[in-house]
Amino acid sequence: MASGRVMLEDSDRALIEEIRVGSHNAFEEVMRRYERLVYVTSFAYAGSREDALDITQNVFVKVYERIGSFRGTGTFKAWLLRITHNESLNWVRGHSRNGDHDELTQANAPGSEAGQEADLLQRERWHRLRKALLHLNPKQRQAVTLRYFERMSISEIASVLGCTEGTAKNILFRSLRKLRHQLVPHWRES
């Protein structure tokens, strides 16, 4: 797994060099590679599909404009997610939302392979989890999304959030405690 990550980082660096000399194909490859991650991250802040798509588009415009500022001291993925985090925070600050966000990425929603009863129970639990996630603040939602949906390490999450690893762990701990408080009573009933 670690060698796969190193190969991806090397591949990213090669694509970045191609983008810097004007390759649109290399930029399209970067977009294909990371659009889902940027979308899911944006959604953790915005809470709606349309807004997350807008943020995602803005992120890739900024990446294209700022690719020259990537110095390679960290991973491209962390740099990209830092831009996503900042763009998402700017969106949250600029948009006062009073409505109930009823969406969360469907990429990890339960499938329908199991029996109807089991599938219904799983969908009900998924719906409760989505609602519980929306009760977290954007940074907490972001940390949980990156850790459990994107399987990122604590150090990667800290890099994205612009904090220390200890702070990232604390954010995750508090987020999970809050989720557990909301979900455990419901899941015991199921």
Protein backbone atom coordinates (compact mmCIF):
# COMPACT_ATOMS: atom_id res chain seq x y z
CA MET A 1 0.00 0.00 0.00
CA ALA A 2 2.81 2.42 0.86
CA SER A 3 4.53 1.73 -2.46
CA GLY A 4 1.23 2.38 -4.26
CA ARG A 5 0.98 5.73 -2.51
CA VAL A 6 4.56 6.61 -3.51
CA MET A 7 3.83 5.62 -7.12
CA LEU A 8 0.73 7.83 -7.10
CA GLU A 9 2.73 10.74 -5.69
CA ASP A 10 5.38 10.25 -8.39
CA SER A 11 2.64 10.08 -11.03
CA ASP A 12 1.08 13.26 -9.62
CA ARG A 13 4.42 15.06 -9.78
CA ALA A 14 4.89 14.02 -13.40
CA LEU A 15 1.41 15.30 -14.27
CA ILE A 16 2.10 18.59 -12.49
CA GLU A 17 5.24 19.09 -14.56
CA GLU A 18 3.23 18.43 -17.72
CA ILE A 19 0.55 20.91 -16.61
CA ARG A 20 3.22 23.54 -15.96
CA VAL A 21 4.36 23.30 -19.57
CA GLY A 22 0.80 23.59 -20.85
CA SER A 23 -0.62 20.06 -21.12
CA HIS A 24 -4.40 20.17 -20.93
CA ASN A 25 -4.53 16.37 -21.04
CA ALA A 26 -2.45 16.18 -17.86
CA PHE A 27 -4.81 18.60 -16.13
CA GLU A 28 -7.81 16.53 -17.24
CA GLU A 29 -6.13 13.44 -15.77
CA VAL A 30 -5.61 15.23 -12.45
CA MET A 31 -9.27 16.23 -12.49
CA ARG A 32 -10.39 12.66 -13.22
CA ARG A 33 -8.13 11.33 -10.50
CA TYR A 34 -9.30 13.74 -7.79
CA GLU A 35 -12.76 15.04 -8.71
CA ARG A 36 -14.60 12.59 -6.44
CA LEU A 37 -12.35 13.40 -3.48
CA VAL A 38 -12.78 17.15 -4.00
CA TYR A 39 -16.55 16.72 -4.42
CA VAL A 40 -16.94 14.62 -1.25
CA THR A 41 -14.79 17.07 0.69
CA SER A 42 -16.80 20.02 -0.62
CA PHE A 43 -20.05 18.25 0.18
CA ALA A 44 -18.97 17.83 3.79
CA TYR A 45 -19.07 21.62 4.04
CA ALA A 46 -21.88 22.57 1.68
CA GLY A 47 -24.39 19.82 2.33
CA SER A 48 -25.98 19.96 -1.10
CA ARG A 49 -25.05 18.42 -4.42
CA GLU A 50 -25.31 21.63 -6.43
CA ASP A 51 -23.22 23.67 -4.02
CA ALA A 52 -20.59 20.94 -3.77
CA LEU A 53 -20.36 20.85 -7.57
CA ASP A 54 -19.90 24.64 -7.64
CA ILE A 55 -17.16 24.44 -5.03
CA THR A 56 -15.50 21.57 -6.90
CA GLN A 57 -15.45 23.62 -10.08
CA ASN A 58 -13.96 26.60 -8.23
CA VAL A 59 -11.30 24.37 -6.67
CA PHE A 60 -10.10 23.08 -10.02
CA VAL A 61 -10.02 26.59 -11.47
CA LYS A 62 -7.81 27.65 -8.54
CA VAL A 63 -5.62 24.57 -8.93
CA TYR A 64 -5.09 25.42 -12.60
CA GLU A 65 -4.29 29.04 -11.77
CA ARG A 66 -2.00 28.18 -8.85
CA ILE A 67 -0.24 25.03 -10.04
CA GLY A 68 2.99 27.03 -10.21
CA SER A 69 2.82 27.60 -6.46
CA PHE A 70 2.92 23.89 -5.66
CA ARG A 71 6.45 23.43 -4.35
CA GLY A 72 6.38 19.68 -3.86
CA THR A 73 7.24 19.82 -0.16
CA GLY A 74 4.19 17.70 0.61
CA THR A 75 1.89 15.56 -1.47
CA PHE A 76 -0.16 17.05 -4.27
CA LYS A 77 -3.25 15.44 -2.73
CA ALA A 78 -2.72 17.32 0.55
CA TRP A 79 -2.13 20.58 -1.35
CA LEU A 80 -5.28 20.03 -3.40
CA LEU A 81 -7.34 19.24 -0.30
CA ARG A 82 -6.00 22.34 1.43
CA ILE A 83 -7.32 24.43 -1.48
CA THR A 84 -10.60 22.50 -1.24
CA HIS A 85 -10.81 23.15 2.49
CA ASN A 86 -10.18 26.89 2.04
CA GLU A 87 -12.60 27.21 -0.87
CA SER A 88 -15.26 25.31 1.10
CA LEU A 89 -14.77 27.51 4.16
CA ASN A 90 -15.08 30.59 1.96
CA TRP A 91 -18.31 29.18 0.56
CA VAL A 92 -19.69 28.49 4.07
CA ARG A 93 -18.82 32.03 5.17
CA GLY A 94 -20.50 33.47 2.09
CA HIS A 95 -23.68 31.42 2.24
CA SER A 96 -26.02 31.52 5.15
CA ARG A 97 -27.97 28.26 5.06
CA ASN A 98 -31.07 27.78 7.16
CA GLY A 99 -32.51 24.84 5.24
CA ASP A 100 -32.21 21.19 6.10
CA HIS A 101 -29.54 19.49 4.01
CA ASP A 102 -31.03 16.18 2.97
CA GLU A 103 -28.15 14.88 0.88
CA LEU A 104 -24.83 13.21 1.53
CA THR A 105 -22.69 11.53 -1.04
CA GLN A 106 -24.38 8.42 -2.32
CA ALA A 107 -21.08 6.81 -3.28
CA ASN A 108 -21.03 4.88 -0.02
CA ALA A 109 -24.75 4.25 0.28
CA PRO A 110 -25.84 0.66 0.89
CA GLY A 111 -26.45 -1.58 -2.09
CA SER A 112 -29.51 -3.72 -2.71
CA GLU A 113 -27.81 -7.11 -2.83
CA ALA A 114 -29.10 -8.25 0.56
CA GLY A 115 -32.66 -9.24 1.27
CA GLN A 116 -35.33 -6.55 1.26
CA GLU A 117 -35.61 -6.39 5.05
CA ALA A 118 -31.85 -6.17 5.60
CA ASP A 119 -31.57 -3.59 2.82
CA LEU A 120 -34.34 -1.49 4.35
CA LEU A 121 -32.65 -1.60 7.77
CA GLN A 122 -29.31 -0.64 6.25
CA ARG A 123 -30.88 2.25 4.33
CA GLU A 124 -32.58 3.48 7.48
CA ARG A 125 -29.24 3.42 9.33
CA TRP A 126 -27.56 5.21 6.42
CA HIS A 127 -30.24 7.90 6.51
CA ARG A 128 -29.69 8.39 10.27
CA LEU A 129 -25.95 8.62 9.76
CA ARG A 130 -26.41 11.26 7.05
CA LYS A 131 -28.63 13.33 9.35
CA ALA A 132 -26.19 12.93 12.25
CA LEU A 133 -23.28 14.08 10.08
CA LEU A 134 -25.16 17.25 9.24
CA HIS A 135 -25.25 18.11 12.95
CA LEU A 136 -21.47 18.30 13.04
CA ASN A 137 -19.76 21.57 12.30
CA PRO A 138 -18.06 21.74 8.87
CA LYS A 139 -14.57 20.99 10.17
CA GLN A 140 -15.81 17.95 12.12
CA ARG A 141 -17.78 16.71 9.11
CA GLN A 142 -14.69 17.20 6.97
CA ALA A 143 -12.49 15.21 9.34
CA VAL A 144 -14.97 12.32 9.56
CA THR A 145 -15.48 12.28 5.79
CA LEU A 146 -11.76 12.20 5.09
CA ARG A 147 -11.03 9.54 7.69
CA TYR A 148 -13.90 7.11 7.20
CA PHE A 149 -15.09 7.67 3.64
CA GLU A 150 -11.75 8.54 2.03
CA ARG A 151 -9.58 6.48 4.46
CA MET A 152 -7.00 9.21 4.90
CA SER A 153 -4.37 9.11 7.64
CA ILE A 154 -4.38 11.47 10.61
CA SER A 155 -1.35 13.30 9.20
CA GLU A 156 -3.11 13.81 5.86
CA ILE A 157 -6.23 15.09 7.62
CA ALA A 158 -4.12 17.47 9.71
CA SER A 159 -2.51 18.78 6.54
CA VAL A 160 -5.89 19.38 4.92
CA LEU A 161 -7.34 21.08 7.99
CA GLY A 162 -4.18 23.11 8.57
CA CYS A 163 -3.65 21.89 12.11
CA THR A 164 -1.42 19.58 14.12
CA GLU A 165 -1.98 15.84 14.19
CA GLY A 166 -3.02 16.16 17.84
CA THR A 167 -5.68 18.70 16.93
CA ALA A 168 -6.90 16.50 14.07
CA LYS A 169 -7.20 13.55 16.46
CA ASN A 170 -9.10 15.77 18.90
CA ILE A 171 -11.50 16.93 16.17
CA LEU A 172 -12.12 13.30 15.16
CA PHE A 173 -12.59 12.21 18.78
CA ARG A 174 -15.15 14.94 19.46
CA SER A 175 -16.91 14.28 16.16
CA LEU A 176 -17.22 10.57 16.83
CA ARG A 177 -18.41 11.19 20.38
CA LYS A 178 -21.10 13.53 19.04
CA LEU A 179 -22.12 11.03 16.35
CA ARG A 180 -22.19 8.17 18.85
CA HIS A 181 -24.38 10.22 21.20
CA GLN A 182 -26.86 10.82 18.38
CA LEU A 183 -26.79 7.36 16.81
CA VAL A 184 -26.37 4.75 19.55
CA PRO A 185 -29.88 5.12 21.00
CA HIS A 186 -31.38 4.68 17.51
CA TRP A 187 -29.19 1.73 16.56
CA ARG A 188 -30.00 -0.11 19.79
CA GLU A 189 -33.67 0.08 18.83
CA SER A 190 -32.98 -1.51 15.40
